[in-house]
Each structure stands twice: as C-alpha cells, then as structure tokens.
C-alpha atoms as a PDB file:
ATOM      1  CA  MET A   1     -16.468  -3.371 -10.677  1.00  0.00           C
ATOM      2  CA  ASN A   2     -12.989  -3.023 -11.234  1.00  0.00           C
ATOM      3  CA  ALA A   3     -10.610  -0.690 -10.676  1.00  0.00           C
ATOM      4  CA  VAL A   4      -6.811   0.665 -10.406  1.00  0.00           C
ATOM      5  CA  ALA A   5      -5.409   3.082  -8.465  1.00  0.00           C
ATOM      6  CA  GLU A   6      -1.707   4.636  -8.105  1.00  0.00           C
ATOM      7  CA  LEU A   7      -0.998   5.470  -4.470  1.00  0.00           C
ATOM      8  CA  ALA A   8       2.024   6.633  -2.851  1.00  0.00           C
ATOM      9  CA  THR A   9       2.584   4.356   0.166  1.00  0.00           C
ATOM     10  CA  GLY A  10       6.061   3.630   2.721  1.00  0.00           C
ATOM     11  CA  GLY A  11       7.330   0.537   3.855  1.00  0.00           C
ATOM     12  CA  THR A  12       7.601  -2.892   2.214  1.00  0.00           C
ATOM     13  CA  PRO A  13       4.825  -4.400  -0.492  1.00  0.00           C
ATOM     14  CA  LEU A  14       4.146  -7.122   2.410  1.00  0.00           C
ATOM     15  CA  ASP A  15       3.760  -3.664   5.106  1.00  0.00           C
ATOM     16  CA  CYS A  16       1.454  -2.583   1.917  1.00  0.00           C
ATOM     17  CA  LEU A  17      -0.330  -5.442   1.625  1.00  0.00           C
ATOM     18  CA  ARG A  18      -1.377  -5.946   4.787  1.00  0.00           C
ATOM     19  CA  ARG A  19      -2.968  -2.880   4.825  1.00  0.00           C
ATOM     20  CA  LEU A  20      -5.374  -4.043   2.046  1.00  0.00           C
ATOM     21  CA  ARG A  21      -6.522  -6.735   3.825  1.00  0.00           C
ATOM     22  CA  ALA A  22      -7.439  -4.988   7.156  1.00  0.00           C
ATOM     23  CA  LEU A  23      -9.485  -2.212   4.697  1.00  0.00           C
ATOM     24  CA  GLU A  24     -11.271  -5.507   3.508  1.00  0.00           C
ATOM     25  CA  ARG A  25     -11.796  -6.436   7.025  1.00  0.00           C
ATOM     26  CA  ALA A  26     -13.033  -3.162   8.018  1.00  0.00           C
ATOM     27  CA  ALA A  27     -15.506  -3.792   5.054  1.00  0.00           C
ATOM     28  CA  GLY A  28     -16.772  -7.072   6.191  1.00  0.00           C
ATOM     29  CA  ARG A  29     -14.819  -9.273   4.199  1.00  0.00           C
ATOM     30  CA  PRO A  30     -14.274 -12.734   6.494  1.00  0.00           C
ATOM     31  CA  ASP A  31     -11.092 -13.870   6.420  1.00  0.00           C
ATOM     32  CA  GLN A  32     -11.436 -17.701   5.692  1.00  0.00           C
ATOM     33  CA  ARG A  33     -13.433 -17.824   2.517  1.00  0.00           C
ATOM     34  CA  ARG A  34     -13.688 -20.219  -0.051  1.00  0.00           C
ATOM     35  CA  ARG A  35     -11.928 -19.677  -3.438  1.00  0.00           C
ATOM     36  CA  PHE A  36     -13.471 -17.191  -6.044  1.00  0.00           C
ATOM     37  CA  ALA A  37     -16.412 -16.342  -2.745  1.00  0.00           C
ATOM     38  CA  PRO A  38     -18.440 -13.352  -3.629  1.00  0.00           C
ATOM     39  CA  ARG A  39     -16.767 -10.554  -1.626  1.00  0.00           C
ATOM     40  CA  VAL A  40     -18.224  -7.386  -0.688  1.00  0.00           C
ATOM     41  CA  LEU A  41     -14.602  -6.272  -1.545  1.00  0.00           C
ATOM     42  CA  ASP A  42     -11.477  -7.578  -2.904  1.00  0.00           C
ATOM     43  CA  LEU A  43      -8.366  -5.566  -2.889  1.00  0.00           C
ATOM     44  CA  ASP A  44      -5.242  -6.921  -5.100  1.00  0.00           C
ATOM     45  CA  LEU A  45      -1.369  -5.596  -5.359  1.00  0.00           C
ATOM     46  CA  LEU A  46      -0.992  -5.247  -8.917  1.00  0.00           C
ATOM     47  CA  LEU A  47       2.960  -3.902  -8.307  1.00  0.00           C
ATOM     48  CA  PHE A  48       4.931  -1.978  -6.138  1.00  0.00           C
ATOM     49  CA  GLY A  49       7.831   0.166  -7.732  1.00  0.00           C
ATOM     50  CA  ALA A  50       9.847  -2.224  -9.978  1.00  0.00           C
ATOM     51  CA  ALA A  51       9.590  -4.715  -6.712  1.00  0.00           C
ATOM     52  CA  ARG A  52       9.458  -8.812  -7.325  1.00  0.00           C
ATOM     53  CA  VAL A  53       8.436 -10.283  -5.047  1.00  0.00           C
ATOM     54  CA  ASP A  54       7.609 -14.139  -4.697  1.00  0.00           C
ATOM     55  CA  THR A  55       6.572 -15.719  -1.634  1.00  0.00           C
ATOM     56  CA  PRO A  56       3.206 -17.754  -0.144  1.00  0.00           C
ATOM     57  CA  GLU A  57       2.237 -14.154   1.096  1.00  0.00           C
ATOM     58  CA  LEU A  58       2.729 -12.400  -1.761  1.00  0.00           C
ATOM     59  CA  ARG A  59       3.381 -12.278  -5.678  1.00  0.00           C
ATOM     60  CA  LEU A  60       4.776  -9.117  -7.640  1.00  0.00           C
ATOM     61  CA  PRO A  61       3.814  -8.636 -10.174  1.00  0.00           C
ATOM     62  CA  HIS A  62       0.704  -9.674  -9.483  1.00  0.00           C
ATOM     63  CA  PRO A  63       0.124 -13.604 -11.259  1.00  0.00           C
ATOM     64  CA  GLY A  64      -2.986 -12.565 -13.713  1.00  0.00           C
ATOM     65  CA  LEU A  65      -1.818  -8.669 -14.390  1.00  0.00           C
ATOM     66  CA  ALA A  66      -0.781  -9.946 -18.490  1.00  0.00           C
ATOM     67  CA  GLN A  67      -3.896 -11.886 -18.728  1.00  0.00           C
ATOM     68  CA  ARG A  68      -6.939 -10.032 -17.711  1.00  0.00           C
ATOM     69  CA  ARG A  69      -8.300  -7.027 -19.156  1.00  0.00           C
ATOM     70  CA  PHE A  70     -10.762  -5.889 -16.917  1.00  0.00           C
ATOM     71  CA  VAL A  71      -6.945  -4.906 -14.719  1.00  0.00           C
ATOM     72  CA  LEU A  72      -4.914  -4.226 -17.969  1.00  0.00           C
ATOM     73  CA  ALA A  73      -8.017  -2.164 -19.704  1.00  0.00           C
ATOM     74  CA  PRO A  74      -8.162   0.657 -16.219  1.00  0.00           C
ATOM     75  CA  LEU A  75      -3.855   0.626 -15.587  1.00  0.00           C
ATOM     76  CA  ALA A  76      -3.491   0.900 -19.529  1.00  0.00           C
ATOM     77  CA  GLU A  77      -6.088   4.168 -19.033  1.00  0.00           C
ATOM     78  CA  LEU A  78      -3.692   5.313 -16.068  1.00  0.00           C
ATOM     79  CA  ALA A  79       0.137   4.030 -17.205  1.00  0.00           C
ATOM     80  CA  PRO A  80       0.127   3.377 -20.047  1.00  0.00           C
ATOM     81  CA  GLY A  81       3.731   3.718 -20.412  1.00  0.00           C
ATOM     82  CA  LEU A  82       4.531   1.828 -18.011  1.00  0.00           C
ATOM     83  CA  VAL A  83       6.517  -1.780 -18.615  1.00  0.00           C
ATOM     84  CA  PRO A  84       5.721  -4.104 -15.422  1.00  0.00           C
ATOM     85  CA  PRO A  85       8.723  -5.727 -13.758  1.00  0.00           C
ATOM     86  CA  GLY A  86       9.744  -9.064 -15.972  1.00  0.00           C
ATOM     87  CA  GLU A  87       7.873  -8.041 -18.649  1.00  0.00           C
ATOM     88  CA  THR A  88       9.184  -6.768 -22.644  1.00  0.00           C
ATOM     89  CA  ARG A  89       6.016  -4.864 -23.531  1.00  0.00           C
ATOM     90  CA  SER A  90       3.957  -2.562 -21.943  1.00  0.00           C
ATOM     91  CA  VAL A  91       0.666  -2.205 -20.751  1.00  0.00           C
ATOM     92  CA  ALA A  92      -0.395  -0.318 -23.374  1.00  0.00           C
ATOM     93  CA  GLU A  93       1.286  -3.441 -25.531  1.00  0.00           C
ATOM     94  CA  LEU A  94       0.138  -5.892 -22.999  1.00  0.00           C
ATOM     95  CA  LEU A  95      -3.475  -4.532 -23.683  1.00  0.00           C
ATOM     96  CA  ARG A  96      -2.754  -4.544 -27.358  1.00  0.00           C
ATOM     97  CA  ASP A  97      -1.915  -7.762 -28.077  1.00  0.00           C
ATOM     98  CA  LEU A  98      -4.118 -10.079 -25.300  1.00  0.00           C
ATOM     99  CA  ASP A  99      -6.254 -12.133 -26.172  1.00  0.00           C
ATOM    100  CA  ASP A 100      -9.258 -12.541 -23.943  1.00  0.00           C
ATOM    101  CA  PRO A 101     -12.780 -11.748 -25.566  1.00  0.00           C
ATOM    102  CA  LEU A 102     -14.150 -10.109 -22.000  1.00  0.00           C
ATOM    103  CA  ARG A 103     -15.400  -6.922 -22.666  1.00  0.00           C
ATOM    104  CA  VAL A 104     -14.516  -4.235 -20.675  1.00  0.00           C
ATOM    105  CA  ALA A 105     -16.318  -0.898 -20.037  1.00  0.00           C
ATOM    106  CA  ASN A 106     -15.585   2.674 -18.704  1.00  0.00           C
ATOM    107  CA  LEU A 107     -17.731   4.115 -16.701  1.00  0.00           C
ATOM    108  CA  GLY A 108     -16.271   7.250 -15.932  1.00  0.00           C
ATOM    109  CA  PRO A 109     -17.698  10.318 -17.863  1.00  0.00           C
ATOM    110  CA  ALA A 110     -16.544   9.656 -21.333  1.00  0.00           C
ATOM    111  CA  THR A 111     -17.854   6.279 -21.499  1.00  0.00           C
ATOM    112  CA  GLU A 112     -15.678   3.840 -24.048  1.00  0.00           C
ATOM    113  CA  ASP A 113     -15.252   0.147 -24.596  1.00  0.00           C
ATOM    114  CA  LEU A 114     -11.594  -0.469 -24.318  1.00  0.00           C
ATOM    115  CA  ARG A 115     -11.569  -3.922 -26.411  1.00  0.00           C
END
C-alpha cells in the first residue's frame, strides 16, 4: 500500500529524513538491507516545501516523483495544483501526462480508479 501525507514539521529536510528513518527502525526495518528487498515500513520524503537538495543522503524533490503513478495519484488527491520544485507542470498535469501503465486504486470510502 502506498499513501501520501502532508506534515507540518520544524527543522531542515535532513532532520525530517532522520525522523522518518527513526520511525522505520522503530517499526522493525533493519538499517542494512538489499535494495528493493521487502520491508516492514518504507517512508520517503518526496518534497519539503520549495527545497531542492542533492546530497548522497537526500535528494529533493524525490527523484522518482514525476515518473511514478503510485506516488502521483495520491499526491494529486492531496495537492493537485502543486508544482514541484524544478517542474513546470502541476502534480495533476504530471499524472495526466504520465506514461505508466500501472493501475492505482483509491481504497478510501469512494474507491475509484486513478489511472
């Protein structure tokens, strides 16, 4: 299951990432694992306001944000008009124009196909 949430937080993007990693560890995710291995919890920091970060530890906006339907579909429900830093199109436009055959279904009260 994938979900997108908007949070209010203090500190820097790196502070936020470290808090997310602490939550993953508390849920039982090991610090060292194979890439793409199954995991109990996987929390990604997609955006941090208008911040653009490119370090070995963190890249913002998340590098796969504009190419993944499972990210764009729930983000478009939350903030369809948002234009991510470095993009010229809104989240809704990115989703509309996306060439990704993946089907995403909303499991909320009004289940609908978001493809």
